[in-house]
Amino acid sequence: MRQDAISRILSVTTTLDDALDEDQLTAVQDLIALIEQPLSRADIETLVSLLPSGGDSAHGLNWAVLHTIEAAPLWPLWDVLADIEHEWVEVLIARIRNGDHLASS
């Protein structure tokens, strides 16, 4: 179901930002709730790609996506966090560091 839910999110929007209308927000919120762990690398990459580089929260949806990513057993995937000009990547990195995760060598 997680792949299906993630694919269905992509059919609603490719970026989770505050420009989403009420129907889109509701649809994505419902779909996020259907995402199951464990996430694959591809799932994590797709979820990170949904986060807008400008850091807007999509009325809180992006925090739900962030928490879903962080709950993945594969997390952190440091190579997915290469775009340091991306505000959500900055948040993910800060949260990893605050959680005492160390970069793999």
PDB file of N, CA and C in Angstrom:
ATOM      1  N   MET A   1       0.817  -1.206   0.000  1.00  0.00           N
ATOM      2  CA  MET A   1       0.000   0.000   0.000  1.00  0.00           C
ATOM      3  C   MET A   1       0.857   1.265   0.000  1.00  0.00           C
ATOM      4  N   ARG A   2       2.088   1.215   0.606  1.00  0.00           N
ATOM      5  CA  ARG A   2       2.889   2.439   0.682  1.00  0.00           C
ATOM      6  C   ARG A   2       3.250   2.953  -0.700  1.00  0.00           C
ATOM      7  N   GLN A   3       3.663   2.037  -1.611  1.00  0.00           N
ATOM      8  CA  GLN A   3       4.016   2.463  -2.960  1.00  0.00           C
ATOM      9  C   GLN A   3       2.791   3.075  -3.639  1.00  0.00           C
ATOM     10  N   ASP A   4       1.650   2.420  -3.471  1.00  0.00           N
ATOM     11  CA  ASP A   4       0.425   2.918  -4.065  1.00  0.00           C
ATOM     12  C   ASP A   4       0.085   4.301  -3.508  1.00  0.00           C
ATOM     13  N   ALA A   5       0.195   4.486  -2.208  1.00  0.00           N
ATOM     14  CA  ALA A   5      -0.112   5.780  -1.595  1.00  0.00           C
ATOM     15  C   ALA A   5       0.844   6.855  -2.096  1.00  0.00           C
ATOM     16  N   ILE A   6       2.117   6.525  -2.194  1.00  0.00           N
ATOM     17  CA  ILE A   6       3.099   7.502  -2.671  1.00  0.00           C
ATOM     18  C   ILE A   6       2.836   7.838  -4.134  1.00  0.00           C
ATOM     19  N   SER A   7       2.551   6.841  -4.945  1.00  0.00           N
ATOM     20  CA  SER A   7       2.218   7.082  -6.359  1.00  0.00           C
ATOM     21  C   SER A   7       0.961   7.937  -6.489  1.00  0.00           C
ATOM     22  N   ARG A   8       0.001   7.671  -5.636  1.00  0.00           N
ATOM     23  CA  ARG A   8      -1.236   8.445  -5.676  1.00  0.00           C
ATOM     24  C   ARG A   8      -1.000   9.890  -5.256  1.00  0.00           C
ATOM     25  N   ILE A   9      -0.077  10.112  -4.312  1.00  0.00           N
ATOM     26  CA  ILE A   9       0.277  11.493  -3.951  1.00  0.00           C
ATOM     27  C   ILE A   9       0.836  12.195  -5.181  1.00  0.00           C
ATOM     28  N   LEU A  10       1.723  11.509  -5.908  1.00  0.00           N
ATOM     29  CA  LEU A  10       2.320  12.099  -7.112  1.00  0.00           C
ATOM     30  C   LEU A  10       1.277  12.396  -8.187  1.00  0.00           C
ATOM     31  N   SER A  11       0.170  11.656  -8.176  1.00  0.00           N
ATOM     32  CA  SER A  11      -0.887  11.950  -9.149  1.00  0.00           C
ATOM     33  C   SER A  11      -1.689  13.190  -8.750  1.00  0.00           C
ATOM     34  N   VAL A  12      -1.616  13.561  -7.474  1.00  0.00           N
ATOM     35  CA  VAL A  12      -2.291  14.765  -6.996  1.00  0.00           C
ATOM     36  C   VAL A  12      -1.407  15.993  -7.199  1.00  0.00           C
ATOM     37  N   THR A  13      -0.115  15.835  -6.894  1.00  0.00           N
ATOM     38  CA  THR A  13       0.833  16.951  -6.986  1.00  0.00           C
ATOM     39  C   THR A  13       2.254  16.425  -6.984  1.00  0.00           C
ATOM     40  N   THR A  14       3.174  17.194  -7.540  1.00  0.00           N
ATOM     41  CA  THR A  14       4.587  16.819  -7.491  1.00  0.00           C
ATOM     42  C   THR A  14       5.352  17.615  -6.455  1.00  0.00           C
ATOM     43  N   THR A  15       4.697  18.614  -5.867  1.00  0.00           N
ATOM     44  CA  THR A  15       5.303  19.417  -4.806  1.00  0.00           C
ATOM     45  C   THR A  15       4.247  19.741  -3.763  1.00  0.00           C
ATOM     46  N   LEU A  16       4.615  19.523  -2.517  1.00  0.00           N
ATOM     47  CA  LEU A  16       3.693  19.829  -1.421  1.00  0.00           C
ATOM     48  C   LEU A  16       3.972  21.239  -0.927  1.00  0.00           C
ATOM     49  N   ASP A  17       3.163  22.184  -1.403  1.00  0.00           N
ATOM     50  CA  ASP A  17       3.353  23.571  -0.992  1.00  0.00           C
ATOM     51  C   ASP A  17       2.019  24.213  -0.641  1.00  0.00           C
ATOM     52  N   ASP A  18       2.074  25.427  -0.181  1.00  0.00           N
ATOM     53  CA  ASP A  18       0.879  26.121   0.277  1.00  0.00           C
ATOM     54  C   ASP A  18      -0.068  26.503  -0.864  1.00  0.00           C
ATOM     55  N   ALA A  19       0.330  26.261  -2.116  1.00  0.00           N
ATOM     56  CA  ALA A  19      -0.543  26.558  -3.252  1.00  0.00           C
ATOM     57  C   ALA A  19      -1.580  25.458  -3.483  1.00  0.00           C
ATOM     58  N   LEU A  20      -1.464  24.333  -2.770  1.00  0.00           N
ATOM     59  CA  LEU A  20      -2.436  23.255  -2.935  1.00  0.00           C
ATOM     60  C   LEU A  20      -3.819  23.725  -2.480  1.00  0.00           C
ATOM     61  N   ASP A  21      -4.833  23.328  -3.237  1.00  0.00           N
ATOM     62  CA  ASP A  21      -6.184  23.700  -2.826  1.00  0.00           C
ATOM     63  C   ASP A  21      -6.688  22.731  -1.756  1.00  0.00           C
ATOM     64  N   GLU A  22      -7.841  23.018  -1.200  1.00  0.00           N
ATOM     65  CA  GLU A  22      -8.366  22.239  -0.084  1.00  0.00           C
ATOM     66  C   GLU A  22      -8.551  20.762  -0.441  1.00  0.00           C
ATOM     67  N   ASP A  23      -9.038  20.485  -1.641  1.00  0.00           N
ATOM     68  CA  ASP A  23      -9.225  19.091  -2.068  1.00  0.00           C
ATOM     69  C   ASP A  23      -7.893  18.356  -2.162  1.00  0.00           C
ATOM     70  N   GLN A  24      -6.889  19.032  -2.716  1.00  0.00           N
ATOM     71  CA  GLN A  24      -5.562  18.414  -2.811  1.00  0.00           C
ATOM     72  C   GLN A  24      -4.980  18.165  -1.424  1.00  0.00           C
ATOM     73  N   LEU A  25      -5.106  19.150  -0.542  1.00  0.00           N
ATOM     74  CA  LEU A  25      -4.586  18.992   0.823  1.00  0.00           C
ATOM     75  C   LEU A  25      -5.237  17.807   1.525  1.00  0.00           C
ATOM     76  N   THR A  26      -6.537  17.697   1.405  1.00  0.00           N
ATOM     77  CA  THR A  26      -7.263  16.591   2.045  1.00  0.00           C
ATOM     78  C   THR A  26      -6.840  15.254   1.455  1.00  0.00           C
ATOM     79  N   ALA A  27      -6.739  15.194   0.128  1.00  0.00           N
ATOM     80  CA  ALA A  27      -6.342  13.948  -0.539  1.00  0.00           C
ATOM     81  C   ALA A  27      -4.938  13.522  -0.101  1.00  0.00           C
ATOM     82  N   VAL A  28      -4.001  14.460  -0.097  1.00  0.00           N
ATOM     83  CA  VAL A  28      -2.629  14.127   0.282  1.00  0.00           C
ATOM     84  C   VAL A  28      -2.555  13.738   1.752  1.00  0.00           C
ATOM     85  N   GLN A  29      -3.267  14.446   2.607  1.00  0.00           N
ATOM     86  CA  GLN A  29      -3.280  14.106   4.031  1.00  0.00           C
ATOM     87  C   GLN A  29      -3.761  12.671   4.228  1.00  0.00           C
ATOM     88  N   ASP A  30      -4.829  12.303   3.553  1.00  0.00           N
ATOM     89  CA  ASP A  30      -5.351  10.940   3.652  1.00  0.00           C
ATOM     90  C   ASP A  30      -4.345   9.920   3.125  1.00  0.00           C
ATOM     91  N   LEU A  31      -3.665  10.245   2.041  1.00  0.00           N
ATOM     92  CA  LEU A  31      -2.694   9.322   1.450  1.00  0.00           C
ATOM     93  C   LEU A  31      -1.448   9.165   2.327  1.00  0.00           C
ATOM     94  N   ILE A  32      -1.001  10.248   2.945  1.00  0.00           N
ATOM     95  CA  ILE A  32       0.154  10.155   3.845  1.00  0.00           C
ATOM     96  C   ILE A  32      -0.148   9.176   4.973  1.00  0.00           C
ATOM     97  N   ALA A  33      -1.375   9.214   5.458  1.00  0.00           N
ATOM     98  CA  ALA A  33      -1.774   8.309   6.543  1.00  0.00           C
ATOM     99  C   ALA A  33      -1.734   6.843   6.111  1.00  0.00           C
ATOM    100  N   LEU A  34      -1.793   6.574   4.814  1.00  0.00           N
ATOM    101  CA  LEU A  34      -1.764   5.201   4.306  1.00  0.00           C
ATOM    102  C   LEU A  34      -0.355   4.656   4.076  1.00  0.00           C
ATOM    103  N   ILE A  35       0.638   5.517   4.131  1.00  0.00           N
ATOM    104  CA  ILE A  35       2.021   5.076   3.885  1.00  0.00           C
ATOM    105  C   ILE A  35       2.469   4.192   5.037  1.00  0.00           C
ATOM    106  N   GLU A  36       2.995   3.026   4.683  1.00  0.00           N
ATOM    107  CA  GLU A  36       3.428   2.054   5.681  1.00  0.00           C
ATOM    108  C   GLU A  36       4.947   1.915   5.660  1.00  0.00           C
ATOM    109  N   GLN A  37       5.492   1.602   6.807  1.00  0.00           N
ATOM    110  CA  GLN A  37       6.913   1.301   6.946  1.00  0.00           C
ATOM    111  C   GLN A  37       7.107  -0.195   6.726  1.00  0.00           C
ATOM    112  N   PRO A  38       8.251  -0.647   6.328  1.00  0.00           N
ATOM    113  CA  PRO A  38       9.455   0.140   6.070  1.00  0.00           C
ATOM    114  C   PRO A  38       9.421   0.772   4.678  1.00  0.00           C
ATOM    115  N   LEU A  39       9.989   1.953   4.581  1.00  0.00           N
ATOM    116  CA  LEU A  39      10.117   2.623   3.302  1.00  0.00           C
ATOM    117  C   LEU A  39      11.360   2.124   2.586  1.00  0.00           C
ATOM    118  N   SER A  40      11.279   2.024   1.285  1.00  0.00           N
ATOM    119  CA  SER A  40      12.447   1.687   0.474  1.00  0.00           C
ATOM    120  C   SER A  40      13.237   2.959   0.201  1.00  0.00           C
ATOM    121  N   ARG A  41      14.423   2.801  -0.349  1.00  0.00           N
ATOM    122  CA  ARG A  41      15.228   3.950  -0.767  1.00  0.00           C
ATOM    123  C   ARG A  41      14.424   4.802  -1.759  1.00  0.00           C
ATOM    124  N   ALA A  42      13.783   4.149  -2.719  1.00  0.00           N
ATOM    125  CA  ALA A  42      12.997   4.880  -3.721  1.00  0.00           C
ATOM    126  C   ALA A  42      11.852   5.651  -3.073  1.00  0.00           C
ATOM    127  N   ASP A  43      11.204   5.041  -2.076  1.00  0.00           N
ATOM    128  CA  ASP A  43      10.128   5.728  -1.355  1.00  0.00           C
ATOM    129  C   ASP A  43      10.659   6.994  -0.689  1.00  0.00           C
ATOM    130  N   ILE A  44      11.789   6.864  -0.015  1.00  0.00           N
ATOM    131  CA  ILE A  44      12.386   8.006   0.692  1.00  0.00           C
ATOM    132  C   ILE A  44      12.764   9.093  -0.297  1.00  0.00           C
ATOM    133  N   GLU A  45      13.402   8.714  -1.393  1.00  0.00           N
ATOM    134  CA  GLU A  45      13.794   9.699  -2.405  1.00  0.00           C
ATOM    135  C   GLU A  45      12.574  10.431  -2.954  1.00  0.00           C
ATOM    136  N   THR A  46      11.499   9.698  -3.203  1.00  0.00           N
ATOM    137  CA  THR A  46      10.283  10.323  -3.720  1.00  0.00           C
ATOM    138  C   THR A  46       9.684  11.275  -2.693  1.00  0.00           C
ATOM    139  N   LEU A  47       9.614  10.845  -1.446  1.00  0.00           N
ATOM    140  CA  LEU A  47       9.055  11.717  -0.407  1.00  0.00           C
ATOM    141  C   LEU A  47       9.894  12.971  -0.234  1.00  0.00           C
ATOM    142  N   VAL A  48      11.216  12.847  -0.249  1.00  0.00           N
ATOM    143  CA  VAL A  48      12.070  14.040  -0.151  1.00  0.00           C
ATOM    144  C   VAL A  48      11.819  14.952  -1.346  1.00  0.00           C
ATOM    145  N   SER A  49      11.620  14.374  -2.524  1.00  0.00           N
ATOM    146  CA  SER A  49      11.387  15.195  -3.726  1.00  0.00           C
ATOM    147  C   SER A  49      10.087  15.986  -3.656  1.00  0.00           C
ATOM    148  N   LEU A  50       9.140  15.535  -2.845  1.00  0.00           N
ATOM    149  CA  LEU A  50       7.874  16.261  -2.684  1.00  0.00           C
ATOM    150  C   LEU A  50       8.025  17.522  -1.844  1.00  0.00           C
ATOM    151  N   LEU A  51       9.059  17.591  -1.033  1.00  0.00           N
ATOM    152  CA  LEU A  51       9.270  18.738  -0.146  1.00  0.00           C
ATOM    153  C   LEU A  51       9.784  19.922  -0.958  1.00  0.00           C
ATOM    154  N   PRO A  52       9.131  21.069  -0.876  1.00  0.00           N
ATOM    155  CA  PRO A  52       9.550  22.224  -1.680  1.00  0.00           C
ATOM    156  C   PRO A  52      10.845  22.841  -1.151  1.00  0.00           C
ATOM    157  N   SER A  53      11.703  23.243  -2.080  1.00  0.00           N
ATOM    158  CA  SER A  53      13.006  23.781  -1.682  1.00  0.00           C
ATOM    159  C   SER A  53      12.885  25.053  -0.854  1.00  0.00           C
ATOM    160  N   GLY A  54      11.798  25.788  -1.031  1.00  0.00           N
ATOM    161  CA  GLY A  54      11.611  27.032  -0.294  1.00  0.00           C
ATOM    162  C   GLY A  54      11.193  26.845   1.147  1.00  0.00           C
ATOM    163  N   GLY A  55      10.893  25.613   1.528  1.00  0.00           N
ATOM    164  CA  GLY A  55      10.615  25.330   2.920  1.00  0.00           C
ATOM    165  C   GLY A  55       9.180  25.508   3.355  1.00  0.00           C
ATOM    166  N   ASP A  56       8.274  25.834   2.428  1.00  0.00           N
ATOM    167  CA  ASP A  56       6.912  26.035   2.915  1.00  0.00           C
ATOM    168  C   ASP A  56       6.325  24.717   3.398  1.00  0.00           C
ATOM    169  N   SER A  57       5.366  24.805   4.292  1.00  0.00           N
ATOM    170  CA  SER A  57       4.933  23.620   5.041  1.00  0.00           C
ATOM    171  C   SER A  57       3.714  22.906   4.473  1.00  0.00           C
ATOM    172  N   ALA A  58       3.122  23.449   3.423  1.00  0.00           N
ATOM    173  CA  ALA A  58       1.893  22.888   2.852  1.00  0.00           C
ATOM    174  C   ALA A  58       0.865  22.681   3.964  1.00  0.00           C
ATOM    175  N   HIS A  59       0.706  23.702   4.767  1.00  0.00           N
ATOM    176  CA  HIS A  59      -0.273  23.684   5.862  1.00  0.00           C
ATOM    177  C   HIS A  59      -0.028  22.513   6.815  1.00  0.00           C
ATOM    178  N   GLY A  60       1.253  22.178   7.017  1.00  0.00           N
ATOM    179  CA  GLY A  60       1.622  21.124   7.956  1.00  0.00           C
ATOM    180  C   GLY A  60       1.853  19.761   7.334  1.00  0.00           C
ATOM    181  N   LEU A  61       1.461  19.561   6.084  1.00  0.00           N
ATOM    182  CA  LEU A  61       1.649  18.256   5.449  1.00  0.00           C
ATOM    183  C   LEU A  61       3.116  17.851   5.373  1.00  0.00           C
ATOM    184  N   ASN A  62       3.993  18.822   5.142  1.00  0.00           N
ATOM    185  CA  ASN A  62       5.405  18.481   4.992  1.00  0.00           C
ATOM    186  C   ASN A  62       6.021  17.991   6.298  1.00  0.00           C
ATOM    187  N   TRP A  63       5.471  18.407   7.421  1.00  0.00           N
ATOM    188  CA  TRP A  63       5.949  17.859   8.693  1.00  0.00           C
ATOM    189  C   TRP A  63       5.558  16.391   8.806  1.00  0.00           C
ATOM    190  N   ALA A  64       4.380  16.047   8.320  1.00  0.00           N
ATOM    191  CA  ALA A  64       3.958  14.643   8.325  1.00  0.00           C
ATOM    192  C   ALA A  64       4.860  13.818   7.412  1.00  0.00           C
ATOM    193  N   VAL A  65       5.212  14.368   6.257  1.00  0.00           N
ATOM    194  CA  VAL A  65       6.128  13.679   5.343  1.00  0.00           C
ATOM    195  C   VAL A  65       7.492  13.516   6.006  1.00  0.00           C
ATOM    196  N   LEU A  66       7.983  14.574   6.617  1.00  0.00           N
ATOM    197  CA  LEU A  66       9.272  14.511   7.306  1.00  0.00           C
ATOM    198  C   LEU A  66       9.272  13.425   8.379  1.00  0.00           C
ATOM    199  N   HIS A  67       8.232  13.346   9.176  1.00  0.00           N
ATOM    200  CA  HIS A  67       8.161  12.328  10.228  1.00  0.00           C
ATOM    201  C   HIS A  67       8.087  10.926   9.637  1.00  0.00           C
ATOM    202  N   THR A  68       7.415  10.775   8.513  1.00  0.00           N
ATOM    203  CA  THR A  68       7.349   9.483   7.833  1.00  0.00           C
ATOM    204  C   THR A  68       8.735   9.074   7.346  1.00  0.00           C
ATOM    205  N   ILE A  69       9.467  10.013   6.778  1.00  0.00           N
ATOM    206  CA  ILE A  69      10.838   9.742   6.319  1.00  0.00           C
ATOM    207  C   ILE A  69      11.713   9.341   7.506  1.00  0.00           C
ATOM    208  N   GLU A  70      11.649  10.112   8.573  1.00  0.00           N
ATOM    209  CA  GLU A  70      12.496   9.844   9.742  1.00  0.00           C
ATOM    210  C   GLU A  70      12.203   8.499  10.396  1.00  0.00           C
ATOM    211  N   ALA A  71      11.001   7.988  10.244  1.00  0.00           N
ATOM    212  CA  ALA A  71      10.634   6.709  10.846  1.00  0.00           C
ATOM    213  C   ALA A  71      11.147   5.512  10.053  1.00  0.00           C
ATOM    214  N   ALA A  72      11.652   5.760   8.863  1.00  0.00           N
ATOM    215  CA  ALA A  72      12.119   4.667   8.003  1.00  0.00           C
ATOM    216  C   ALA A  72      13.388   4.034   8.582  1.00  0.00           C
ATOM    217  N   PRO A  73      13.430   2.703   8.630  1.00  0.00           N
ATOM    218  CA  PRO A  73      14.624   2.026   9.146  1.00  0.00           C
ATOM    219  C   PRO A  73      15.899   2.355   8.361  1.00  0.00           C
ATOM    220  N   LEU A  74      15.787   2.671   7.076  1.00  0.00           N
ATOM    221  CA  LEU A  74      16.958   3.024   6.258  1.00  0.00           C
ATOM    222  C   LEU A  74      17.489   4.432   6.541  1.00  0.00           C
ATOM    223  N   TRP A  75      16.702   5.222   7.219  1.00  0.00           N
ATOM    224  CA  TRP A  75      17.075   6.630   7.439  1.00  0.00           C
ATOM    225  C   TRP A  75      18.180   6.735   8.449  1.00  0.00           C
ATOM    226  N   PRO A  76      19.171   7.592   8.257  1.00  0.00           N
ATOM    227  CA  PRO A  76      19.301   8.599   7.214  1.00  0.00           C
ATOM    228  C   PRO A  76      19.998   8.060   5.965  1.00  0.00           C
ATOM    229  N   LEU A  77      19.638   8.626   4.843  1.00  0.00           N
ATOM    230  CA  LEU A  77      20.311   8.389   3.562  1.00  0.00           C
ATOM    231  C   LEU A  77      21.017   9.689   3.190  1.00  0.00           C
ATOM    232  N   TRP A  78      22.265   9.766   3.558  1.00  0.00           N
ATOM    233  CA  TRP A  78      22.989  11.030   3.421  1.00  0.00           C
ATOM    234  C   TRP A  78      23.069  11.521   1.980  1.00  0.00           C
ATOM    235  N   ASP A  79      23.186  10.618   1.023  1.00  0.00           N
ATOM    236  CA  ASP A  79      23.303  11.055  -0.366  1.00  0.00           C
ATOM    237  C   ASP A  79      22.019  11.704  -0.883  1.00  0.00           C
ATOM    238  N   VAL A  80      20.895  11.441  -0.258  1.00  0.00           N
ATOM    239  CA  VAL A  80      19.626  12.065  -0.634  1.00  0.00           C
ATOM    240  C   VAL A  80      19.590  13.521  -0.154  1.00  0.00           C
ATOM    241  N   LEU A  81      20.491  13.862   0.736  1.00  0.00           N
ATOM    242  CA  LEU A  81      20.507  15.192   1.356  1.00  0.00           C
ATOM    243  C   LEU A  81      21.598  16.097   0.788  1.00  0.00           C
ATOM    244  N   ALA A  82      21.958  15.888  -0.467  1.00  0.00           N
ATOM    245  CA  ALA A  82      23.062  16.632  -1.077  1.00  0.00           C
ATOM    246  C   ALA A  82      22.721  18.094  -1.366  1.00  0.00           C
ATOM    247  N   ASP A  83      21.456  18.407  -1.581  1.00  0.00           N
ATOM    248  CA  ASP A  83      21.058  19.772  -1.950  1.00  0.00           C
ATOM    249  C   ASP A  83      20.937  20.640  -0.699  1.00  0.00           C
ATOM    250  N   ILE A  84      22.067  21.212  -0.292  1.00  0.00           N
ATOM    251  CA  ILE A  84      22.077  21.982   0.954  1.00  0.00           C
ATOM    252  C   ILE A  84      21.412  23.358   0.820  1.00  0.00           C
ATOM    253  N   GLU A  85      21.008  23.723  -0.397  1.00  0.00           N
ATOM    254  CA  GLU A  85      20.271  24.978  -0.600  1.00  0.00           C
ATOM    255  C   GLU A  85      18.769  24.755  -0.441  1.00  0.00           C
ATOM    256  N   HIS A  86      18.363  23.564  -0.119  1.00  0.00           N
ATOM    257  CA  HIS A  86      16.963  23.162   0.017  1.00  0.00           C
ATOM    258  C   HIS A  86      16.597  23.257   1.501  1.00  0.00           C
ATOM    259  N   GLU A  87      15.606  24.085   1.824  1.00  0.00           N
ATOM    260  CA  GLU A  87      15.300  24.330   3.240  1.00  0.00           C
ATOM    261  C   GLU A  87      14.856  23.074   3.981  1.00  0.00           C
ATOM    262  N   TRP A  88      14.083  22.180   3.338  1.00  0.00           N
ATOM    263  CA  TRP A  88      13.671  20.952   4.019  1.00  0.00           C
ATOM    264  C   TRP A  88      14.841  20.003   4.211  1.00  0.00           C
ATOM    265  N   VAL A  89      15.789  20.010   3.284  1.00  0.00           N
ATOM    266  CA  VAL A  89      17.008  19.209   3.462  1.00  0.00           C
ATOM    267  C   VAL A  89      17.772  19.743   4.667  1.00  0.00           C
ATOM    268  N   GLU A  90      17.847  21.063   4.800  1.00  0.00           N
ATOM    269  CA  GLU A  90      18.503  21.657   5.966  1.00  0.00           C
ATOM    270  C   GLU A  90      17.829  21.207   7.259  1.00  0.00           C
ATOM    271  N   VAL A  91      16.497  21.169   7.268  1.00  0.00           N
ATOM    272  CA  VAL A  91      15.762  20.727   8.454  1.00  0.00           C
ATOM    273  C   VAL A  91      16.068  19.263   8.749  1.00  0.00           C
ATOM    274  N   LEU A  92      16.040  18.421   7.717  1.00  0.00           N
ATOM    275  CA  LEU A  92      16.337  16.992   7.910  1.00  0.00           C
ATOM    276  C   LEU A  92      17.747  16.793   8.458  1.00  0.00           C
ATOM    277  N   ILE A  93      18.718  17.512   7.905  1.00  0.00           N
ATOM    278  CA  ILE A  93      20.104  17.399   8.376  1.00  0.00           C
ATOM    279  C   ILE A  93      20.207  17.837   9.827  1.00  0.00           C
ATOM    280  N   ALA A  94      19.601  18.962  10.164  1.00  0.00           N
ATOM    281  CA  ALA A  94      19.649  19.449  11.549  1.00  0.00           C
ATOM    282  C   ALA A  94      19.028  18.441  12.503  1.00  0.00           C
ATOM    283  N   ARG A  95      17.923  17.835  12.105  1.00  0.00           N
ATOM    284  CA  ARG A  95      17.253  16.865  12.970  1.00  0.00           C
ATOM    285  C   ARG A  95      18.082  15.591  13.113  1.00  0.00           C
ATOM    286  N   ILE A  96      18.775  15.196  12.056  1.00  0.00           N
ATOM    287  CA  ILE A  96      19.670  14.035  12.144  1.00  0.00           C
ATOM    288  C   ILE A  96      20.792  14.343  13.121  1.00  0.00           C
ATOM    289  N   ARG A  97      21.388  15.510  12.971  1.00  0.00           N
ATOM    290  CA  ARG A  97      22.497  15.885  13.868  1.00  0.00           C
ATOM    291  C   ARG A  97      22.025  15.990  15.312  1.00  0.00           C
ATOM    292  N   ASN A  98      20.857  16.522  15.517  1.00  0.00           N
ATOM    293  CA  ASN A  98      20.327  16.620  16.885  1.00  0.00           C
ATOM    294  C   ASN A  98      20.031  15.252  17.462  1.00  0.00           C
ATOM    295  N   GLY A  99      19.786  14.270  16.608  1.00  0.00           N
ATOM    296  CA  GLY A  99      19.521  12.900  17.052  1.00  0.00           C
ATOM    297  C   GLY A  99      20.774  12.075  17.161  1.00  0.00           C
ATOM    298  N   ASP A 100      21.936  12.711  16.978  1.00  0.00           N
ATOM    299  CA  ASP A 100      23.244  12.064  17.104  1.00  0.00           C
ATOM    300  C   ASP A 100      23.503  10.990  16.050  1.00  0.00           C
ATOM    301  N   HIS A 101      22.894  11.147  14.854  1.00  0.00           N
ATOM    302  CA  HIS A 101      23.236  10.276  13.736  1.00  0.00           C
ATOM    303  C   HIS A 101      24.544  10.770  13.152  1.00  0.00           C
ATOM    304  N   LEU A 102      25.422   9.872  12.777  1.00  0.00           N
ATOM    305  CA  LEU A 102      26.690  10.261  12.182  1.00  0.00           C
ATOM    306  C   LEU A 102      26.691   9.873  10.713  1.00  0.00           C
ATOM    307  N   ALA A 103      27.299  10.704   9.903  1.00  0.00           N
ATOM    308  CA  ALA A 103      27.400  10.400   8.473  1.00  0.00           C
ATOM    309  C   ALA A 103      28.190   9.131   8.279  1.00  0.00           C
ATOM    310  N   SER A 104      27.688   8.275   7.389  1.00  0.00           N
ATOM    311  CA  SER A 104      28.439   7.047   7.094  1.00  0.00           C
ATOM    312  C   SER A 104      29.597   7.372   6.180  1.00  0.00           C
ATOM    313  N   SER A 105      30.664   6.617   6.328  1.00  0.00           N
ATOM    314  CA  SER A 105      31.834   6.931   5.500  1.00  0.00           C
ATOM    315  C   SER A 105      31.939   6.057   4.300  1.00  0.00           C
TER     316      SER A 105
END
